[in-house]
Amino acid sequence: MLWESSRMMLQEHVRSLNDSSVDSVRVKEPQLDEQEREQINETIHIAMKFNQLLIFTIWIDGFFEEVTCAVHYINQINKQMYVVVKPTE
């Protein structure tokens, strides 16, 4: 019973447990169909025309993040979108 209260774990074990718990929460990258892409495209162009803020939900390495921004310019050749991000409150 002396050892019961003094259990210890190696750093490698703790790290692997933390990594496995993070991996269990990850989400696969969502795939958009053509209709969803067109709808998003239309929404972005309307927001650009009227200088409105948009809330983008971005998938990054298995997790979703929300970004509030205004679309400044779209480079269709390089498939890049330039935005002005709203500062966090």
C-alpha atoms as a PDB file:
ATOM      1  CA  MET A   1       0.000   0.000   0.000  1.00  0.00           C
ATOM      2  CA  LEU A   2       2.982   2.303   0.339  1.00  0.00           C
ATOM      3  CA  TRP A   3       3.372   2.597  -3.463  1.00  0.00           C
ATOM      4  CA  GLU A   4      -0.323   3.122  -4.129  1.00  0.00           C
ATOM      5  CA  SER A   5      -0.281   6.885  -3.606  1.00  0.00           C
ATOM      6  CA  SER A   6       3.008   7.613  -5.355  1.00  0.00           C
ATOM      7  CA  ARG A   7       2.409   6.477  -8.910  1.00  0.00           C
ATOM      8  CA  MET A   8       4.582   8.163 -11.493  1.00  0.00           C
ATOM      9  CA  MET A   9       4.644   8.253 -15.252  1.00  0.00           C
ATOM     10  CA  LEU A  10       7.530   8.874 -17.604  1.00  0.00           C
ATOM     11  CA  GLN A  11       7.391  12.013 -19.732  1.00  0.00           C
ATOM     12  CA  GLU A  12       7.180   9.892 -22.888  1.00  0.00           C
ATOM     13  CA  HIS A  13       4.062   8.157 -21.567  1.00  0.00           C
ATOM     14  CA  VAL A  14       2.395  11.424 -20.609  1.00  0.00           C
ATOM     15  CA  ARG A  15       3.209  12.889 -24.051  1.00  0.00           C
ATOM     16  CA  SER A  16       1.790   9.870 -25.879  1.00  0.00           C
ATOM     17  CA  LEU A  17      -1.405   9.996 -23.788  1.00  0.00           C
ATOM     18  CA  ASN A  18      -1.820  13.703 -24.570  1.00  0.00           C
ATOM     19  CA  ASP A  19      -1.180  13.105 -28.278  1.00  0.00           C
ATOM     20  CA  SER A  20      -3.720  10.288 -28.434  1.00  0.00           C
ATOM     21  CA  SER A  21      -6.378  12.389 -26.688  1.00  0.00           C
ATOM     22  CA  VAL A  22      -5.841  15.219 -29.203  1.00  0.00           C
ATOM     23  CA  ASP A  23      -5.970  12.784 -32.135  1.00  0.00           C
ATOM     24  CA  SER A  24      -9.305  11.396 -30.949  1.00  0.00           C
ATOM     25  CA  VAL A  25     -10.879  14.876 -31.253  1.00  0.00           C
ATOM     26  CA  ARG A  26      -9.582  15.638 -34.770  1.00  0.00           C
ATOM     27  CA  VAL A  27     -12.045  15.870 -37.645  1.00  0.00           C
ATOM     28  CA  LYS A  28     -11.462  14.778 -41.229  1.00  0.00           C
ATOM     29  CA  GLU A  29     -11.070  17.517 -43.813  1.00  0.00           C
ATOM     30  CA  PRO A  30     -14.527  18.350 -45.174  1.00  0.00           C
ATOM     31  CA  GLN A  31     -15.093  18.061 -48.922  1.00  0.00           C
ATOM     32  CA  LEU A  32     -17.368  20.611 -50.588  1.00  0.00           C
ATOM     33  CA  ASP A  33     -19.427  19.749 -53.637  1.00  0.00           C
ATOM     34  CA  GLU A  34     -19.791  22.087 -56.615  1.00  0.00           C
ATOM     35  CA  GLN A  35     -23.086  23.585 -55.430  1.00  0.00           C
ATOM     36  CA  GLU A  36     -21.647  24.480 -52.008  1.00  0.00           C
ATOM     37  CA  ARG A  37     -18.619  26.089 -53.664  1.00  0.00           C
ATOM     38  CA  GLU A  38     -20.851  28.200 -55.912  1.00  0.00           C
ATOM     39  CA  GLN A  39     -22.956  29.329 -52.958  1.00  0.00           C
ATOM     40  CA  ILE A  40     -19.837  30.326 -50.988  1.00  0.00           C
ATOM     41  CA  ASN A  41     -18.460  32.121 -54.043  1.00  0.00           C
ATOM     42  CA  GLU A  42     -21.669  34.117 -54.463  1.00  0.00           C
ATOM     43  CA  THR A  43     -21.745  35.045 -50.765  1.00  0.00           C
ATOM     44  CA  ILE A  44     -18.137  36.259 -50.913  1.00  0.00           C
ATOM     45  CA  HIS A  45     -18.761  38.390 -54.003  1.00  0.00           C
ATOM     46  CA  ILE A  46     -21.856  40.017 -52.473  1.00  0.00           C
ATOM     47  CA  ALA A  47     -19.931  40.743 -49.253  1.00  0.00           C
ATOM     48  CA  MET A  48     -17.097  42.292 -51.284  1.00  0.00           C
ATOM     49  CA  LYS A  49     -19.536  44.468 -53.226  1.00  0.00           C
ATOM     50  CA  PHE A  50     -21.143  45.879 -50.064  1.00  0.00           C
ATOM     51  CA  ASN A  51     -17.980  45.785 -47.896  1.00  0.00           C
ATOM     52  CA  GLN A  52     -19.509  43.450 -45.303  1.00  0.00           C
ATOM     53  CA  LEU A  53     -17.780  41.274 -42.731  1.00  0.00           C
ATOM     54  CA  LEU A  54     -17.909  37.503 -43.128  1.00  0.00           C
ATOM     55  CA  ILE A  55     -17.335  34.737 -40.618  1.00  0.00           C
ATOM     56  CA  PHE A  56     -15.241  31.963 -42.134  1.00  0.00           C
ATOM     57  CA  THR A  57     -14.980  28.570 -40.498  1.00  0.00           C
ATOM     58  CA  ILE A  58     -11.546  27.266 -41.416  1.00  0.00           C
ATOM     59  CA  TRP A  59     -10.314  23.682 -41.072  1.00  0.00           C
ATOM     60  CA  ILE A  60      -6.691  23.559 -39.864  1.00  0.00           C
ATOM     61  CA  ASP A  61      -5.022  20.229 -39.153  1.00  0.00           C
ATOM     62  CA  GLY A  62      -8.169  18.507 -37.904  1.00  0.00           C
ATOM     63  CA  PHE A  63      -9.703  21.414 -36.024  1.00  0.00           C
ATOM     64  CA  PHE A  64     -12.089  24.227 -36.973  1.00  0.00           C
ATOM     65  CA  GLU A  65     -11.422  27.917 -36.325  1.00  0.00           C
ATOM     66  CA  GLU A  66     -13.685  30.881 -36.957  1.00  0.00           C
ATOM     67  CA  VAL A  67     -12.280  34.066 -38.474  1.00  0.00           C
ATOM     68  CA  THR A  68     -14.242  37.298 -38.884  1.00  0.00           C
ATOM     69  CA  CYS A  69     -12.934  39.335 -41.801  1.00  0.00           C
ATOM     70  CA  ALA A  70     -13.702  41.433 -44.851  1.00  0.00           C
ATOM     71  CA  VAL A  71     -12.595  40.101 -48.232  1.00  0.00           C
ATOM     72  CA  HIS A  72     -10.342  42.641 -49.907  1.00  0.00           C
ATOM     73  CA  TYR A  73      -9.288  40.917 -53.140  1.00  0.00           C
ATOM     74  CA  ILE A  74      -9.493  37.497 -54.805  1.00  0.00           C
ATOM     75  CA  ASN A  75      -6.669  36.275 -57.035  1.00  0.00           C
ATOM     76  CA  GLN A  76      -8.344  33.587 -59.119  1.00  0.00           C
ATOM     77  CA  ILE A  77      -5.156  32.596 -60.951  1.00  0.00           C
ATOM     78  CA  ASN A  78      -3.327  31.632 -57.743  1.00  0.00           C
ATOM     79  CA  LYS A  79      -6.550  30.728 -55.915  1.00  0.00           C
ATOM     80  CA  GLN A  80      -5.808  33.134 -53.087  1.00  0.00           C
ATOM     81  CA  MET A  81      -8.096  35.401 -51.132  1.00  0.00           C
ATOM     82  CA  TYR A  82      -6.803  38.548 -49.430  1.00  0.00           C
ATOM     83  CA  VAL A  83      -8.730  39.532 -46.321  1.00  0.00           C
ATOM     84  CA  VAL A  84      -8.747  42.202 -43.626  1.00  0.00           C
ATOM     85  CA  VAL A  85      -9.170  40.420 -40.311  1.00  0.00           C
ATOM     86  CA  LYS A  86     -11.307  41.999 -37.614  1.00  0.00           C
ATOM     87  CA  PRO A  87      -9.289  42.396 -34.381  1.00  0.00           C
ATOM     88  CA  THR A  88     -10.349  40.115 -31.548  1.00  0.00           C
ATOM     89  CA  GLU A  89     -12.399  41.785 -28.866  1.00  0.00           C
END
